[in-house]
């Protein structure tokens, strides 16, 4: 969007895109840069939310300092590189594994005798022929020539070792088993009932990443599943927001809204301006990191962690709901 005269009262006049100081993203984004400092650099997301995109920009240290200075290190946006490092590590480990496999195959090939030839020697008329394996080598070193080895078949001669005699009438001696019964007293089992909690006493714990639970850092949002009878008017009245704000913040919302549709609600917001665009998402696997999930979904990892209030490397649980930021307008 272009920074008009009215917007100058709400945004820092030195905030803009890297190649256009008169245009900016109306919500926190890695594309927003500070043009008061030199060189032009992207501003930290938290600082954008607290100063650059608010009337409190007059208290910003970069705004107060003399123009042309370098942007303080604490205000610079640092892109997330953990996902790139993980990809690089996987490639290195894969290359090492392939190298080990190739090296093992080469060693196995070195141990295979070269040019094995099979020669057959005729045997006696009454017995089977014996096979002679002769290892031939092209090497000129006499020490490497292996003498012929004669393999004698195991079935050449059968020698009886013992004679088995079976008696046709084995003698059987009947044996009578007697059992002694001993009566053992049985224990008496007493049935005890455990106390049952009343419905009001049953503890219930709502997961922190479920539907209709506020999400975010600074400004709060929630993901709501539409129930029967709800529409844009009822949701706007329920959450005290505007219909325009609901339509502006949802990336894939279609109208009219049907039951079971997922809607992102910006709490306490009536104006559709300065709103990012989100898409709700439910995690489908356990122990996936925030950076890895952001890479899979094609969104900025820093924005994903900021809007969902996640720490670096935090592992997510299957079934949790998150906001997926989508850069730019729909």
Protein backbone atom coordinates (compact mmCIF):
# COMPACT_ATOMS: atom_id res chain seq x y z
CA UNK A 1 0.00 0.00 0.00
CA UNK A 2 1.10 3.63 -0.55
CA UNK A 3 1.80 5.76 2.50
CA UNK A 4 -0.80 8.51 2.13
CA UNK A 5 -1.06 11.60 4.30
CA UNK A 6 -3.59 9.93 6.61
CA UNK A 7 -1.40 6.89 7.02
CA UNK A 8 1.55 9.06 8.06
CA UNK A 9 -0.21 9.66 11.38
CA UNK A 10 -0.39 5.95 12.09
CA UNK A 11 2.84 4.60 10.57
CA UNK A 12 6.44 5.72 10.77
CA UNK A 13 7.12 7.94 7.71
CA UNK A 14 10.50 6.23 7.20
CA UNK A 15 9.06 2.71 7.01
CA UNK A 16 8.84 1.23 3.53
CA UNK A 17 9.83 -1.53 1.18
CA UNK A 18 13.51 -2.06 0.43
CA UNK A 19 13.20 -0.64 -3.11
CA UNK A 20 10.34 1.80 -2.52
CA UNK A 21 10.26 4.08 0.52
CA UNK A 22 6.72 5.28 -0.28
CA UNK A 23 5.15 1.81 -0.08
CA UNK A 24 4.96 -0.61 2.84
CA UNK A 25 3.13 -3.62 4.20
CA UNK A 26 0.38 -2.42 6.56
CA UNK A 27 1.15 -5.24 8.99
CA UNK A 28 4.35 -6.69 10.42
CA UNK A 29 6.40 -8.23 7.64
CA UNK A 30 10.08 -8.93 6.85
CA UNK A 31 9.58 -6.72 3.77
CA UNK A 32 9.22 -3.55 5.89
CA UNK A 33 12.54 -1.68 6.10
CA UNK A 34 13.79 1.46 7.84
CA UNK A 35 14.82 4.20 5.37
CA UNK A 36 16.02 6.62 8.04
CA UNK A 37 19.04 4.42 8.70
CA UNK A 38 21.77 3.56 6.22
CA UNK A 39 22.04 1.02 4.80
CA UNK A 40 18.33 0.27 4.44
CA UNK A 41 17.57 -2.82 6.53
CA UNK A 42 14.52 -4.88 7.51
CA UNK A 43 13.11 -4.10 10.96
CA UNK A 44 12.55 -6.64 13.75
CA UNK A 45 8.96 -7.92 13.84
CA UNK A 46 8.35 -7.02 17.50
CA UNK A 47 9.66 -3.50 16.90
CA UNK A 48 7.32 -3.05 13.93
CA UNK A 49 4.34 -4.05 16.06
CA UNK A 50 5.31 -1.82 19.00
CA UNK A 51 6.61 1.27 17.17
CA UNK A 52 6.77 1.37 13.35
CA UNK A 53 3.11 0.49 12.69
CA UNK A 54 1.79 2.54 15.57
CA UNK A 55 1.63 6.18 16.58
CA UNK A 56 4.41 5.52 19.12
CA UNK A 57 7.00 5.56 16.29
CA UNK A 58 8.10 8.97 17.63
CA UNK A 59 9.66 7.10 20.57
CA UNK A 60 11.69 4.77 18.32
CA UNK A 61 15.43 5.01 18.88
CA UNK A 62 16.12 5.02 15.14
CA UNK A 63 13.59 7.86 14.69
CA UNK A 64 15.15 9.88 17.49
CA UNK A 65 18.77 9.37 16.37
CA UNK A 66 20.36 11.37 13.59
CA UNK A 67 19.45 10.28 10.06
CA UNK A 68 21.98 8.19 8.17
CA UNK A 69 23.19 6.12 11.11
CA UNK A 70 23.21 2.34 11.07
CA UNK A 71 20.10 0.57 12.37
CA UNK A 72 20.77 -0.63 15.95
CA UNK A 73 21.52 -4.35 16.13
CA UNK A 74 18.60 -4.95 18.50
CA UNK A 75 16.13 -3.57 15.93
CA UNK A 76 17.32 -5.58 12.92
CA UNK A 77 15.25 -8.42 11.47
CA UNK A 78 17.16 -11.70 11.55
CA UNK A 79 15.84 -14.31 9.10
CA UNK A 80 15.47 -17.82 10.40
CA UNK A 81 18.28 -20.02 9.12
CA UNK A 82 17.65 -23.13 11.22
CA UNK A 83 15.58 -24.74 8.45
CA UNK A 84 18.42 -24.18 5.94
CA UNK A 85 20.93 -25.65 8.36
CA UNK A 86 18.78 -28.74 8.83
CA UNK A 87 18.57 -29.25 5.05
CA UNK A 88 22.35 -28.86 4.73
CA UNK A 89 22.96 -31.36 7.53
CA UNK A 90 20.64 -33.92 5.91
CA UNK A 91 22.52 -33.59 2.63
CA UNK A 92 25.90 -34.01 4.34
CA UNK A 93 24.74 -37.08 6.26
CA UNK A 94 23.23 -38.57 3.11
CA UNK A 95 26.50 -38.06 1.24
CA UNK A 96 28.47 -39.74 4.04
CA UNK A 97 26.12 -42.75 4.05
CA UNK A 98 26.40 -43.15 0.27
CA UNK A 99 30.19 -42.90 0.49
CA UNK A 100 30.31 -45.62 3.16
CA UNK A 101 28.12 -47.91 1.02
CA UNK A 102 30.31 -47.40 -2.06
CA UNK A 103 33.51 -47.95 -0.07
CA UNK A 104 32.13 -51.18 1.45
CA UNK A 105 31.19 -52.45 -2.00
CA UNK A 106 34.69 -51.73 -3.27
CA UNK A 107 36.26 -53.73 -0.41
CA UNK A 108 33.94 -56.67 -1.10
CA UNK A 109 34.94 -56.66 -4.76
CA UNK A 110 38.60 -56.85 -3.78
CA UNK A 111 38.01 -60.10 -1.85
CA UNK A 112 36.34 -61.99 -4.75
CA UNK A 113 38.86 -64.46 -6.44
CA UNK A 114 39.44 -63.55 -10.10
CA UNK A 115 38.50 -65.84 -13.01
CA UNK A 116 37.27 -69.03 -11.33
CA UNK A 117 37.31 -71.98 -13.81
CA UNK A 118 35.64 -75.34 -13.24
CA UNK A 119 37.24 -78.46 -14.66
CA UNK A 120 35.64 -81.88 -14.44
CA UNK A 121 37.60 -85.12 -14.02
CA UNK A 122 35.84 -88.33 -15.02
CA UNK A 123 35.53 -90.86 -12.23
CA UNK A 124 35.29 -94.61 -12.09
CA UNK A 125 32.51 -96.49 -13.89
CA UNK A 126 30.80 -97.32 -10.60
CA UNK A 127 31.16 -93.98 -8.85
CA UNK A 128 30.34 -90.37 -9.59
CA UNK A 129 32.84 -88.07 -11.16
CA UNK A 130 34.88 -85.78 -8.91
CA UNK A 131 34.98 -82.06 -9.61
CA UNK A 132 38.21 -80.10 -9.52
CA UNK A 133 38.15 -76.31 -9.15
CA UNK A 134 41.21 -74.62 -10.58
CA UNK A 135 41.79 -70.95 -9.77
CA UNK A 136 43.42 -69.22 -12.73
CA UNK A 137 45.00 -65.83 -12.46
CA UNK A 138 46.64 -63.56 -14.97
CA UNK A 139 49.21 -62.36 -12.46
CA UNK A 140 52.82 -63.15 -13.22
CA UNK A 141 53.73 -63.60 -9.56
CA UNK A 142 54.02 -67.38 -8.89
CA UNK A 143 53.21 -66.89 -5.21
CA UNK A 144 49.69 -65.76 -6.11
CA UNK A 145 48.84 -68.96 -8.05
CA UNK A 146 46.48 -71.15 -6.04
CA UNK A 147 46.95 -74.93 -6.46
CA UNK A 148 43.96 -76.96 -7.68
CA UNK A 149 41.55 -78.11 -5.03
CA UNK A 150 39.73 -81.42 -5.44
CA UNK A 151 36.29 -81.68 -3.97
CA UNK A 152 35.30 -85.24 -3.11
CA UNK A 153 31.53 -85.80 -3.12
CA UNK A 154 30.05 -86.73 0.18
CA UNK A 155 27.85 -89.40 -1.34
CA UNK A 156 30.73 -91.56 -2.71
CA UNK A 157 30.79 -94.26 -0.01
CA UNK A 158 28.28 -95.20 2.63
CA UNK A 159 29.59 -97.08 5.66
CA UNK A 160 27.02 -98.62 8.03
CA UNK A 161 27.80 -97.59 11.58
CA UNK A 162 25.15 -99.33 13.66
CA UNK A 163 22.28 -101.83 13.48
CA UNK A 164 18.90 -100.97 14.91
CA UNK A 165 16.82 -103.84 16.36
CA UNK A 166 13.16 -103.29 17.09
CA UNK A 167 11.25 -105.64 19.36
CA UNK A 168 7.80 -106.41 17.91
CA UNK A 169 6.13 -106.81 21.30
CA UNK A 170 7.27 -104.16 23.78
CA UNK A 171 6.37 -104.88 27.37
CA UNK A 172 3.98 -102.44 28.98
CA UNK A 173 3.69 -101.95 32.71
CA UNK A 174 0.42 -100.29 33.76
CA UNK A 175 0.74 -97.49 36.26
CA UNK A 176 -2.19 -96.26 38.33
CA UNK A 177 -2.11 -92.62 39.34
CA UNK A 178 -3.92 -91.62 42.46
CA UNK A 179 -4.90 -88.06 43.24
CA UNK A 180 -5.42 -86.61 46.68
CA UNK A 181 -7.92 -83.78 46.95
CA UNK A 182 -7.29 -81.14 49.58
CA UNK A 183 -9.99 -78.63 50.33
CA UNK A 184 -8.65 -75.09 50.56
CA UNK A 185 -10.77 -72.30 51.98
CA UNK A 186 -11.49 -69.54 49.46
CA UNK A 187 -11.10 -65.87 50.22
CA UNK A 188 -14.13 -63.63 50.32
CA UNK A 189 -14.03 -60.78 47.81
CA UNK A 190 -15.66 -57.57 48.92
CA UNK A 191 -16.74 -55.22 46.15
CA UNK A 192 -15.87 -51.60 46.82
CA UNK A 193 -17.17 -48.71 44.81
CA UNK A 194 -15.05 -45.66 44.01
CA UNK A 195 -16.60 -42.24 44.46
CA UNK A 196 -18.01 -40.75 41.27
CA UNK A 197 -17.43 -37.09 40.58
CA UNK A 198 -20.41 -34.99 39.75
CA UNK A 199 -20.37 -33.36 36.31
CA UNK A 200 -19.45 -30.04 37.90
CA UNK A 201 -16.51 -31.67 39.76
CA UNK A 202 -14.99 -33.47 36.75
CA UNK A 203 -11.73 -31.67 35.84
CA UNK A 204 -11.57 -30.51 32.25
CA UNK A 205 -8.44 -29.20 30.59
CA UNK A 206 -8.65 -27.28 27.34
CA UNK A 207 -5.54 -27.68 25.14
CA UNK A 208 -3.68 -24.43 24.64
CA UNK A 209 -3.71 -24.84 20.84
CA UNK A 210 -7.32 -25.85 20.29
CA UNK A 211 -10.10 -24.02 18.47
CA UNK A 212 -11.61 -20.87 20.01
CA UNK A 213 -8.48 -20.29 22.16
CA UNK A 214 -6.70 -16.92 21.66
CA UNK A 215 -3.45 -17.14 19.69
CA UNK A 216 -0.76 -14.55 19.19
CA UNK A 217 1.80 -12.21 20.64
CA UNK A 218 0.53 -8.66 21.15
CA UNK A 219 -2.62 -8.71 19.01
CA UNK A 220 -4.73 -11.82 19.60
CA UNK A 221 -6.57 -14.01 17.12
CA UNK A 222 -8.57 -17.23 17.33
CA UNK A 223 -9.71 -19.98 14.98
CA UNK A 224 -13.45 -20.63 15.12
CA UNK A 225 -15.43 -23.50 13.58
CA UNK A 226 -18.79 -22.29 12.31
CA UNK A 227 -21.78 -24.06 13.82
CA UNK A 228 -25.29 -24.36 12.45
CA UNK A 229 -27.14 -21.04 12.34
CA UNK A 230 -24.01 -18.86 12.47
CA UNK A 231 -23.11 -16.33 9.80
CA UNK A 232 -20.90 -13.27 9.37
CA UNK A 233 -23.37 -11.01 11.15
CA UNK A 234 -23.70 -13.22 14.22
CA UNK A 235 -19.93 -13.73 14.49
CA UNK A 236 -19.23 -10.00 14.09
CA UNK A 237 -21.76 -9.24 16.84
CA UNK A 238 -20.47 -12.01 19.10
CA UNK A 239 -16.81 -10.93 18.95
CA UNK A 240 -17.49 -7.18 18.60
CA UNK A 241 -15.66 -6.87 15.28
CA UNK A 242 -16.61 -5.88 11.75
CA UNK A 243 -17.55 -8.14 8.87
CA UNK A 244 -14.93 -6.38 6.72
CA UNK A 245 -12.21 -7.38 9.21
CA UNK A 246 -13.27 -11.03 9.05
CA UNK A 247 -13.20 -11.04 5.25
CA UNK A 248 -9.84 -9.22 5.11
CA UNK A 249 -7.93 -11.51 7.47
CA UNK A 250 -9.07 -14.89 6.08
CA UNK A 251 -7.08 -16.24 3.13
CA UNK A 252 -9.45 -18.97 1.93
CA UNK A 253 -12.85 -17.89 3.29
CA UNK A 254 -15.72 -18.12 0.83
CA UNK A 255 -19.19 -16.69 1.17
CA UNK A 256 -21.84 -17.63 2.04
CA UNK A 257 -20.31 -19.37 5.05
CA UNK A 258 -21.37 -22.96 5.68
CA UNK A 259 -21.37 -24.99 8.86
CA UNK A 260 -17.99 -26.49 9.89
CA UNK A 261 -16.07 -23.80 8.01
CA UNK A 262 -12.94 -22.48 9.78
CA UNK A 263 -12.80 -18.72 10.31
CA UNK A 264 -9.94 -16.65 11.72
CA UNK A 265 -11.25 -13.98 14.11
CA UNK A 266 -9.13 -10.85 14.87
CA UNK A 267 -10.13 -10.00 18.43
CA UNK A 268 -10.89 -6.36 19.16
CA UNK A 269 -10.46 -5.22 15.54
CA UNK A 270 -13.07 -3.30 13.57
CA UNK A 271 -10.99 -1.87 10.72
CA UNK A 272 -9.87 -4.16 7.89
CA UNK A 273 -6.65 -2.15 7.50
CA UNK A 274 -3.30 -3.19 9.01
CA UNK A 275 -4.43 -6.81 9.10
CA UNK A 276 -2.24 -9.74 7.99
CA UNK A 277 -3.74 -12.61 6.03
CA UNK A 278 -4.00 -16.03 7.70
CA UNK A 279 -4.94 -19.58 6.87
CA UNK A 280 -5.86 -22.02 9.71
CA UNK A 281 -3.92 -25.28 9.89
CA UNK A 282 -4.01 -28.37 12.13
CA UNK A 283 -0.76 -30.28 12.78
CA UNK A 284 -0.79 -33.86 11.49
CA UNK A 285 2.38 -35.26 13.11
CA UNK A 286 4.06 -35.15 16.51
CA UNK A 287 7.35 -33.48 17.45
CA UNK A 288 7.74 -31.46 14.27
CA UNK A 289 9.54 -28.15 14.89
CA UNK A 290 8.03 -24.78 14.09
CA UNK A 291 10.77 -24.11 11.53
CA UNK A 292 10.22 -27.44 9.74
CA UNK A 293 6.45 -26.94 9.57
CA UNK A 294 6.87 -23.41 8.22
CA UNK A 295 9.15 -24.75 5.51
CA UNK A 296 6.64 -27.47 4.56
CA UNK A 297 3.81 -24.94 4.30
CA UNK A 298 5.88 -22.38 2.38
CA UNK A 299 5.63 -19.51 4.86
CA UNK A 300 8.17 -17.34 6.65
CA UNK A 301 9.39 -19.14 9.79
CA UNK A 302 9.92 -15.93 11.78
CA UNK A 303 6.39 -14.71 11.05
CA UNK A 304 4.93 -18.13 11.83
CA UNK A 305 6.63 -18.22 15.25
CA UNK A 306 5.73 -14.59 16.00
CA UNK A 307 2.01 -14.78 15.21
CA UNK A 308 1.64 -18.12 17.05
CA UNK A 309 3.85 -17.10 20.00
CA UNK A 310 6.33 -19.98 19.50
CA UNK A 311 9.92 -20.27 20.67
CA UNK A 312 12.85 -21.20 18.43
CA UNK A 313 12.93 -24.95 17.82
CA UNK A 314 9.68 -25.54 19.73
CA UNK A 315 8.15 -28.93 18.94
CA UNK A 316 4.48 -29.04 17.99
CA UNK A 317 1.88 -31.67 18.86
CA UNK A 318 -0.46 -33.51 16.55
CA UNK A 319 -3.94 -31.97 16.56
CA UNK A 320 -2.85 -28.43 17.54
CA UNK A 321 -4.17 -25.49 15.52
CA UNK A 322 -1.98 -22.67 14.19
CA UNK A 323 -2.19 -19.56 12.02
CA UNK A 324 -0.29 -19.77 8.73
CA UNK A 325 0.69 -16.25 7.55
CA UNK A 326 0.30 -15.60 3.86
CA UNK A 327 2.36 -12.66 2.55
CA UNK A 328 0.61 -10.01 0.55
CA UNK A 329 -3.06 -9.39 -0.02
CA UNK A 330 -5.44 -12.00 -1.43
